[in-house]
Each structure stands twice: as structure tokens, then as C-alpha cells.
Amino acid sequence: MITINSWRHANLLAPLALLCLLASLCFTQQSTDELLKQTISGFESRDEPIDQILGRLSKSYNVPIGLEKIAPKAAASSEERRISVKIEKGTVQDVLDAVIRADPRYQWKEVAGVINVLPRKARNPILEIPVRSFQISNANWMDVRQAIQMTAEIKGGFERMGLKERSAITVVGSGNNNLPKFSLDLRDTTLRGILNEILKVKGYSFWVFSRYGNRNQYVSIQAIV
């Protein structure tokens, strides 16, 4: 009799768990859609780098955005392409579309509730290296910087690709002591996944991944809070 009751109890819980999961997924998608549909009036940038435009969009409208910048083809090409965007009346999505039209080397897509702007070609493989687990507790961005460097898969990827971390996490907009703290327990993720999850924490809005150096051997990740 106990076995039968346990079986019935499990059968009742299974559909409930599925409904909770679907509700959670729908809420995430709805929240992302709502962010993209926010009304924007008078958004304009003139001759600015893409990271400045997206950073302002992210901070002004509370939209989590990650930018994977295109690596320079040579050390001499350190000057960034500048673009202009003007939206008299529209939405956050209209601004993103306008940015991509102004610099078609990029595309944007939603990744697990975060807007990722990334190259159409020649993407950085270090962001996609599989990470079996990533755990931090009561941490801020400075702690994350150390944890990322100590993650075996990412550290090994840097070594194989001949990359060196230089200011892997640079925080802009707040002193170290005032940074929001949080905990993460991630499984089967990537560096991109880690950064995207952190943007879901209240107070963090924008990350930028870039490479530089005479051989693009240095990696930097900047964050805006």
C-alpha cells in the first residue's frame, strides 16, 4: 500500500513540476520580449563605437546586453569603427536593429534571457569552451575575475590558444566595495553562459569581451554596473 501511494504521489507531482518549468520558461521569454518592446523616444548616437552605444542602451533601459567585439585584424588597426544611430520613436529592438544595419559585421540574438551582440564571422572560441561547473558564493565581479582564471577549462583554453588574460574583469561605474554580491552554481555552461547569468543579477547590465595586442593575444572583459 505504501508503494502504491508513493507511485500515485509521484504521478501527481510530475505534471506539476512540468507546469512549473513551462511557466518559468514562459516568464523568461515574456520578460525578454517586454524589454525589447520598451518604447524609446529620441535615441541618437553620432560617430560612436558600438560598445558605447550598446552600453548606454543597456543602462538607460535596463536591458542585459553582452557584446563580443570583433578582433582587430592587425595591431595597426586599433582605431575602432564608429557608427551613427537615430531612432526618433521606436523600441529597444528598433535600436538593436539599427545598430546592426549600421555595422552589418554584427548580429544580435537572445540567449537565455540576455541580448548577445556578436560577430557574424570569426567569433571568439574561448567564449564557447565547455565548462563542466562554475560555482561562486557571496561574490562580486572582482571575485568572478579570480574564479574565471582558476576554472580549469578556461585556463586550459587560454593556454592552448596562446591567450593571456589582461584585466579579465574590469568594473566600470562603481567602487569595488559597493558592487552587488551574488552566488552562482552552474553546470554544463561556457564563459559566455557565466557572463550572461551574471547579467541577470540586479545591478549588472552589460559585458564586453575583446581581444587586443600585436597578435590579439590579450583578452579583456569589461563590465558596467
C-alpha atoms as a PDB file:
ATOM      1  CA  MET A   1       0.000   0.000   0.000  1.00  0.00           C
ATOM      2  CA  ILE A   2       2.801   2.432   0.760  1.00  0.00           C
ATOM      3  CA  THR A   3       4.391   1.665  -2.589  1.00  0.00           C
ATOM      4  CA  ILE A   4       1.140   2.369  -4.462  1.00  0.00           C
ATOM      5  CA  ASN A   5       0.591   5.658  -2.645  1.00  0.00           C
ATOM      6  CA  SER A   6       4.173   6.733  -3.344  1.00  0.00           C
ATOM      7  CA  TRP A   7       3.703   5.887  -7.013  1.00  0.00           C
ATOM      8  CA  ARG A   8       0.473   7.899  -7.160  1.00  0.00           C
ATOM      9  CA  HIS A   9       2.133  10.800  -5.367  1.00  0.00           C
ATOM     10  CA  ALA A  10       4.988  10.800  -7.882  1.00  0.00           C
ATOM     11  CA  ASN A  11       2.500  10.721 -10.768  1.00  0.00           C
ATOM     12  CA  LEU A  12       0.759  13.773  -9.340  1.00  0.00           C
ATOM     13  CA  LEU A  13       3.978  15.674  -8.810  1.00  0.00           C
ATOM     14  CA  ALA A  14       5.418  15.036 -12.270  1.00  0.00           C
ATOM     15  CA  PRO A  15       2.796  17.099 -14.195  1.00  0.00           C
ATOM     16  CA  LEU A  16       3.034  19.834 -11.547  1.00  0.00           C
ATOM     17  CA  ALA A  17       6.812  20.034 -11.967  1.00  0.00           C
ATOM     18  CA  LEU A  18       6.387  20.210 -15.747  1.00  0.00           C
ATOM     19  CA  LEU A  19       3.866  23.034 -15.440  1.00  0.00           C
ATOM     20  CA  CYS A  20       6.238  24.956 -13.159  1.00  0.00           C
ATOM     21  CA  LEU A  21       9.072  24.519 -15.643  1.00  0.00           C
ATOM     22  CA  LEU A  22       6.940  25.708 -18.568  1.00  0.00           C
ATOM     23  CA  ALA A  23       5.703  28.673 -16.556  1.00  0.00           C
ATOM     24  CA  SER A  24       9.276  29.622 -15.724  1.00  0.00           C
ATOM     25  CA  LEU A  25      10.317  29.417 -19.370  1.00  0.00           C
ATOM     26  CA  CYS A  26       7.321  31.473 -20.487  1.00  0.00           C
ATOM     27  CA  PHE A  27       8.061  34.117 -17.846  1.00  0.00           C
ATOM     28  CA  THR A  28      11.668  34.426 -19.010  1.00  0.00           C
ATOM     29  CA  GLN A  29      10.645  34.787 -22.641  1.00  0.00           C
ATOM     30  CA  GLN A  30       7.886  37.242 -21.773  1.00  0.00           C
ATOM     31  CA  SER A  31      10.289  39.344 -19.732  1.00  0.00           C
ATOM     32  CA  THR A  32      12.765  39.460 -22.623  1.00  0.00           C
ATOM     33  CA  ASP A  33      10.002  40.389 -25.058  1.00  0.00           C
ATOM     34  CA  GLU A  34       8.833  43.150 -22.751  1.00  0.00           C
ATOM     35  CA  LEU A  35      12.350  44.570 -22.546  1.00  0.00           C
ATOM     36  CA  LEU A  36      12.688  44.565 -26.337  1.00  0.00           C
ATOM     37  CA  LYS A  37       9.297  46.264 -26.755  1.00  0.00           C
ATOM     38  CA  GLN A  38      10.099  49.150 -24.414  1.00  0.00           C
ATOM     39  CA  THR A  39       9.261  52.466 -26.050  1.00  0.00           C
ATOM     40  CA  ILE A  40      12.210  54.677 -26.913  1.00  0.00           C
ATOM     41  CA  SER A  41      11.991  58.292 -27.975  1.00  0.00           C
ATOM     42  CA  GLY A  42      14.875  60.374 -29.251  1.00  0.00           C
ATOM     43  CA  PHE A  43      17.704  57.816 -29.051  1.00  0.00           C
ATOM     44  CA  GLU A  44      20.640  59.145 -31.073  1.00  0.00           C
ATOM     45  CA  SER A  45      24.359  58.486 -31.333  1.00  0.00           C
ATOM     46  CA  ARG A  46      26.761  60.123 -33.721  1.00  0.00           C
ATOM     47  CA  ASP A  47      30.062  58.628 -34.734  1.00  0.00           C
ATOM     48  CA  GLU A  48      30.446  56.380 -31.671  1.00  0.00           C
ATOM     49  CA  PRO A  49      31.941  52.899 -31.130  1.00  0.00           C
ATOM     50  CA  ILE A  50      29.387  50.121 -30.871  1.00  0.00           C
ATOM     51  CA  ASP A  51      30.217  49.368 -27.226  1.00  0.00           C
ATOM     52  CA  GLN A  52      29.374  52.927 -26.153  1.00  0.00           C
ATOM     53  CA  ILE A  53      26.018  52.807 -27.932  1.00  0.00           C
ATOM     54  CA  LEU A  54      25.038  49.419 -26.513  1.00  0.00           C
ATOM     55  CA  GLY A  55      26.302  50.326 -23.050  1.00  0.00           C
ATOM     56  CA  ARG A  56      24.097  53.406 -22.971  1.00  0.00           C
ATOM     57  CA  LEU A  57      21.114  51.432 -24.282  1.00  0.00           C
ATOM     58  CA  SER A  58      21.632  48.755 -21.655  1.00  0.00           C
ATOM     59  CA  LYS A  59      22.000  51.130 -18.737  1.00  0.00           C
ATOM     60  CA  SER A  60      19.218  53.525 -19.759  1.00  0.00           C
ATOM     61  CA  TYR A  61      16.592  50.843 -20.353  1.00  0.00           C
ATOM     62  CA  ASN A  62      17.771  48.086 -18.000  1.00  0.00           C
ATOM     63  CA  VAL A  63      18.391  45.646 -20.843  1.00  0.00           C
ATOM     64  CA  PRO A  64      21.055  42.962 -20.190  1.00  0.00           C
ATOM     65  CA  ILE A  65      23.441  43.027 -23.151  1.00  0.00           C
ATOM     66  CA  GLY A  66      26.688  41.165 -23.820  1.00  0.00           C
ATOM     67  CA  LEU A  67      28.969  42.334 -26.641  1.00  0.00           C
ATOM     68  CA  GLU A  68      31.572  40.111 -28.281  1.00  0.00           C
ATOM     69  CA  LYS A  69      33.743  42.575 -30.173  1.00  0.00           C
ATOM     70  CA  ILE A  70      35.398  41.758 -33.466  1.00  0.00           C
ATOM     71  CA  ALA A  71      39.143  41.298 -33.003  1.00  0.00           C
ATOM     72  CA  PRO A  72      41.338  43.768 -34.923  1.00  0.00           C
ATOM     73  CA  LYS A  73      42.962  42.241 -37.987  1.00  0.00           C
ATOM     74  CA  ALA A  74      46.291  43.887 -37.168  1.00  0.00           C
ATOM     75  CA  ALA A  75      47.877  45.860 -34.373  1.00  0.00           C
ATOM     76  CA  ALA A  76      47.884  48.942 -36.591  1.00  0.00           C
ATOM     77  CA  SER A  77      44.088  48.811 -36.888  1.00  0.00           C
ATOM     78  CA  SER A  78      43.489  49.892 -33.306  1.00  0.00           C
ATOM     79  CA  GLU A  79      41.056  52.613 -34.376  1.00  0.00           C
ATOM     80  CA  GLU A  80      37.520  51.335 -33.864  1.00  0.00           C
ATOM     81  CA  ARG A  81      34.780  51.628 -36.440  1.00  0.00           C
ATOM     82  CA  ARG A  82      32.316  54.304 -35.432  1.00  0.00           C
ATOM     83  CA  ILE A  83      28.659  54.307 -36.339  1.00  0.00           C
ATOM     84  CA  SER A  84      25.639  56.587 -36.055  1.00  0.00           C
ATOM     85  CA  VAL A  85      22.147  55.566 -34.953  1.00  0.00           C
ATOM     86  CA  LYS A  86      18.995  57.655 -34.714  1.00  0.00           C
ATOM     87  CA  ILE A  87      15.591  56.454 -33.525  1.00  0.00           C
ATOM     88  CA  GLU A  88      13.089  59.275 -33.126  1.00  0.00           C
ATOM     89  CA  LYS A  89      10.360  56.954 -31.887  1.00  0.00           C
ATOM     90  CA  GLY A  90      10.566  53.181 -31.593  1.00  0.00           C
ATOM     91  CA  THR A  91      11.576  50.329 -29.295  1.00  0.00           C
ATOM     92  CA  VAL A  92      14.708  48.776 -27.838  1.00  0.00           C
ATOM     93  CA  GLN A  93      14.556  46.217 -30.642  1.00  0.00           C
ATOM     94  CA  ASP A  94      14.481  49.028 -33.210  1.00  0.00           C
ATOM     95  CA  VAL A  95      17.718  50.399 -31.735  1.00  0.00           C
ATOM     96  CA  LEU A  96      19.379  46.967 -31.875  1.00  0.00           C
ATOM     97  CA  ASP A  97      18.261  46.527 -35.484  1.00  0.00           C
ATOM     98  CA  ALA A  98      19.586  49.984 -36.357  1.00  0.00           C
ATOM     99  CA  VAL A  99      22.964  49.182 -34.784  1.00  0.00           C
ATOM    100  CA  ILE A 100      23.230  46.021 -36.895  1.00  0.00           C
ATOM    101  CA  ARG A 101      22.289  47.910 -40.050  1.00  0.00           C
ATOM    102  CA  ALA A 102      24.957  50.495 -39.276  1.00  0.00           C
ATOM    103  CA  ASP A 103      27.588  47.784 -38.717  1.00  0.00           C
ATOM    104  CA  PRO A 104      26.448  44.596 -40.517  1.00  0.00           C
ATOM    105  CA  ARG A 105      29.526  42.703 -39.335  1.00  0.00           C
ATOM    106  CA  TYR A 106      27.477  42.032 -36.193  1.00  0.00           C
ATOM    107  CA  GLN A 107      24.252  40.239 -35.395  1.00  0.00           C
ATOM    108  CA  TRP A 108      22.155  40.148 -32.238  1.00  0.00           C
ATOM    109  CA  LYS A 109      20.184  37.364 -30.650  1.00  0.00           C
ATOM    110  CA  GLU A 110      18.548  36.480 -27.359  1.00  0.00           C
ATOM    111  CA  VAL A 111      20.490  33.905 -25.327  1.00  0.00           C
ATOM    112  CA  ALA A 112      18.707  32.627 -22.205  1.00  0.00           C
ATOM    113  CA  GLY A 113      17.168  35.996 -21.421  1.00  0.00           C
ATOM    114  CA  VAL A 114      20.214  38.111 -22.338  1.00  0.00           C
ATOM    115  CA  ILE A 115      20.764  40.015 -25.592  1.00  0.00           C
ATOM    116  CA  ASN A 116      24.081  38.971 -27.149  1.00  0.00           C
ATOM    117  CA  VAL A 117      25.617  41.076 -29.912  1.00  0.00           C
ATOM    118  CA  LEU A 118      28.293  39.041 -31.683  1.00  0.00           C
ATOM    119  CA  PRO A 119      30.236  38.830 -34.939  1.00  0.00           C
ATOM    120  CA  ARG A 120      28.598  37.130 -37.904  1.00  0.00           C
ATOM    121  CA  LYS A 121      32.002  35.616 -38.660  1.00  0.00           C
ATOM    122  CA  ALA A 122      35.254  34.900 -36.810  1.00  0.00           C
ATOM    123  CA  ARG A 123      33.723  34.515 -33.372  1.00  0.00           C
ATOM    124  CA  ASN A 124      35.974  34.024 -30.346  1.00  0.00           C
ATOM    125  CA  PRO A 125      36.099  30.303 -29.467  1.00  0.00           C
ATOM    126  CA  ILE A 126      37.217  30.976 -25.883  1.00  0.00           C
ATOM    127  CA  LEU A 127      33.681  32.121 -25.075  1.00  0.00           C
ATOM    128  CA  GLU A 128      32.267  28.764 -26.147  1.00  0.00           C
ATOM    129  CA  ILE A 129      34.649  26.378 -24.358  1.00  0.00           C
ATOM    130  CA  PRO A 130      32.532  23.903 -22.346  1.00  0.00           C
ATOM    131  CA  VAL A 131      32.777  24.405 -18.577  1.00  0.00           C
ATOM    132  CA  ARG A 132      31.598  21.463 -16.506  1.00  0.00           C
ATOM    133  CA  SER A 133      30.805  23.504 -13.412  1.00  0.00           C
ATOM    134  CA  PHE A 134      31.236  27.045 -12.117  1.00  0.00           C
ATOM    135  CA  GLN A 135      30.479  27.914  -8.514  1.00  0.00           C
ATOM    136  CA  ILE A 136      30.822  31.150  -6.551  1.00  0.00           C
ATOM    137  CA  SER A 137      29.233  32.243  -3.287  1.00  0.00           C
ATOM    138  CA  ASN A 138      28.595  35.768  -1.997  1.00  0.00           C
ATOM    139  CA  ALA A 139      30.863  37.116  -4.746  1.00  0.00           C
ATOM    140  CA  ASN A 140      31.183  40.316  -6.779  1.00  0.00           C
ATOM    141  CA  TRP A 141      32.837  40.972 -10.157  1.00  0.00           C
ATOM    142  CA  MET A 142      36.317  41.029  -8.660  1.00  0.00           C
ATOM    143  CA  ASP A 143      35.768  37.591  -7.180  1.00  0.00           C
ATOM    144  CA  VAL A 144      34.438  36.367 -10.519  1.00  0.00           C
ATOM    145  CA  ARG A 145      37.626  37.524 -12.210  1.00  0.00           C
ATOM    146  CA  GLN A 146      39.661  35.272  -9.953  1.00  0.00           C
ATOM    147  CA  ALA A 147      37.234  32.362 -10.293  1.00  0.00           C
ATOM    148  CA  ILE A 148      37.294  32.546 -14.092  1.00  0.00           C
ATOM    149  CA  GLN A 149      41.076  32.453 -14.131  1.00  0.00           C
ATOM    150  CA  MET A 150      41.057  29.384 -11.888  1.00  0.00           C
ATOM    151  CA  THR A 151      38.448  27.460 -13.911  1.00  0.00           C
ATOM    152  CA  ALA A 152      40.371  24.554 -15.431  1.00  0.00           C
ATOM    153  CA  GLU A 153      38.646  24.500 -18.821  1.00  0.00           C
ATOM    154  CA  ILE A 154      39.008  28.243 -19.391  1.00  0.00           C
ATOM    155  CA  LYS A 155      42.592  28.337 -18.142  1.00  0.00           C
ATOM    156  CA  GLY A 156      43.463  25.429 -20.425  1.00  0.00           C
ATOM    157  CA  GLY A 157      41.747  27.129 -23.362  1.00  0.00           C
ATOM    158  CA  PHE A 158      43.787  30.292 -22.840  1.00  0.00           C
ATOM    159  CA  GLU A 159      46.984  28.239 -22.827  1.00  0.00           C
ATOM    160  CA  ARG A 160      46.082  26.281 -25.982  1.00  0.00           C
ATOM    161  CA  MET A 161      45.118  29.420 -27.881  1.00  0.00           C
ATOM    162  CA  GLY A 162      48.155  31.400 -26.729  1.00  0.00           C
ATOM    163  CA  LEU A 163      45.989  33.979 -24.945  1.00  0.00           C
ATOM    164  CA  LYS A 164      46.767  35.976 -21.833  1.00  0.00           C
ATOM    165  CA  GLU A 165      44.203  37.480 -19.535  1.00  0.00           C
ATOM    166  CA  ARG A 166      44.640  41.204 -19.067  1.00  0.00           C
ATOM    167  CA  SER A 167      42.052  42.754 -16.773  1.00  0.00           C
ATOM    168  CA  ALA A 168      39.716  39.825 -17.384  1.00  0.00           C
ATOM    169  CA  ILE A 169      37.019  41.613 -15.415  1.00  0.00           C
ATOM    170  CA  THR A 170      37.119  45.403 -15.305  1.00  0.00           C
ATOM    171  CA  VAL A 171      34.240  47.061 -13.500  1.00  0.00           C
ATOM    172  CA  VAL A 172      33.048  50.451 -14.660  1.00  0.00           C
ATOM    173  CA  GLY A 173      30.643  52.574 -12.653  1.00  0.00           C
ATOM    174  CA  SER A 174      31.111  51.546  -9.018  1.00  0.00           C
ATOM    175  CA  GLY A 175      33.783  51.064  -6.401  1.00  0.00           C
ATOM    176  CA  ASN A 176      34.761  47.512  -5.536  1.00  0.00           C
ATOM    177  CA  ASN A 177      33.241  47.704  -2.061  1.00  0.00           C
ATOM    178  CA  ASN A 178      29.845  48.765  -3.442  1.00  0.00           C
ATOM    179  CA  LEU A 179      29.458  46.018  -6.048  1.00  0.00           C
ATOM    180  CA  PRO A 180      26.402  43.784  -5.655  1.00  0.00           C
ATOM    181  CA  LYS A 181      27.223  40.302  -4.396  1.00  0.00           C
ATOM    182  CA  PHE A 182      25.635  37.085  -5.583  1.00  0.00           C
ATOM    183  CA  SER A 183      26.025  33.316  -5.778  1.00  0.00           C
ATOM    184  CA  LEU A 184      26.069  31.022  -8.816  1.00  0.00           C
ATOM    185  CA  ASP A 185      26.022  27.265  -9.168  1.00  0.00           C
ATOM    186  CA  LEU A 186      26.201  26.454 -12.899  1.00  0.00           C
ATOM    187  CA  ARG A 187      26.586  23.138 -14.683  1.00  0.00           C
ATOM    188  CA  ASP A 188      27.469  22.397 -18.311  1.00  0.00           C
ATOM    189  CA  THR A 189      27.985  26.023 -19.239  1.00  0.00           C
ATOM    190  CA  THR A 190      30.541  28.236 -21.058  1.00  0.00           C
ATOM    191  CA  LEU A 191      32.310  31.522 -20.377  1.00  0.00           C
ATOM    192  CA  ARG A 192      29.534  33.223 -22.346  1.00  0.00           C
ATOM    193  CA  GLY A 193      26.985  31.420 -20.200  1.00  0.00           C
ATOM    194  CA  ILE A 194      28.699  32.557 -16.999  1.00  0.00           C
ATOM    195  CA  LEU A 195      28.729  36.187 -18.117  1.00  0.00           C
ATOM    196  CA  ASN A 196      25.121  36.050 -19.257  1.00  0.00           C
ATOM    197  CA  GLU A 197      23.998  34.609 -15.918  1.00  0.00           C
ATOM    198  CA  ILE A 198      25.756  37.387 -14.027  1.00  0.00           C
ATOM    199  CA  LEU A 199      23.815  39.983 -16.020  1.00  0.00           C
ATOM    200  CA  LYS A 200      20.624  38.540 -14.540  1.00  0.00           C
ATOM    201  CA  VAL A 201      21.787  39.737 -11.110  1.00  0.00           C
ATOM    202  CA  LYS A 202      20.318  43.088 -10.133  1.00  0.00           C
ATOM    203  CA  GLY A 203      22.882  45.839 -10.623  1.00  0.00           C
ATOM    204  CA  TYR A 204      24.803  44.344 -13.570  1.00  0.00           C
ATOM    205  CA  SER A 205      23.750  45.287 -17.085  1.00  0.00           C
ATOM    206  CA  PHE A 206      26.476  44.975 -19.732  1.00  0.00           C
ATOM    207  CA  TRP A 207      29.596  42.958 -20.552  1.00  0.00           C
ATOM    208  CA  VAL A 208      32.119  43.399 -23.362  1.00  0.00           C
ATOM    209  CA  PHE A 209      34.583  40.744 -24.495  1.00  0.00           C
ATOM    210  CA  SER A 210      37.500  41.945 -26.626  1.00  0.00           C
ATOM    211  CA  ARG A 211      40.969  40.954 -27.786  1.00  0.00           C
ATOM    212  CA  TYR A 212      43.941  43.195 -28.423  1.00  0.00           C
ATOM    213  CA  GLY A 213      47.722  43.212 -28.784  1.00  0.00           C
ATOM    214  CA  ASN A 214      50.024  42.882 -31.783  1.00  0.00           C
ATOM    215  CA  ARG A 215      48.823  39.274 -32.177  1.00  0.00           C
ATOM    216  CA  ASN A 216      45.450  39.675 -30.464  1.00  0.00           C
ATOM    217  CA  GLN A 217      46.965  37.664 -27.653  1.00  0.00           C
ATOM    218  CA  TYR A 218      45.343  39.595 -24.811  1.00  0.00           C
ATOM    219  CA  VAL A 219      41.772  39.166 -23.609  1.00  0.00           C
ATOM    220  CA  SER A 220      39.727  41.713 -21.722  1.00  0.00           C
ATOM    221  CA  ILE A 221      36.204  41.627 -20.329  1.00  0.00           C
ATOM    222  CA  GLN A 222      34.650  44.862 -19.171  1.00  0.00           C
ATOM    223  CA  ALA A 223      31.505  45.153 -17.105  1.00  0.00           C
ATOM    224  CA  ILE A 224      29.162  48.060 -16.453  1.00  0.00           C
ATOM    225  CA  VAL A 225      27.142  48.175 -13.262  1.00  0.00           C
END
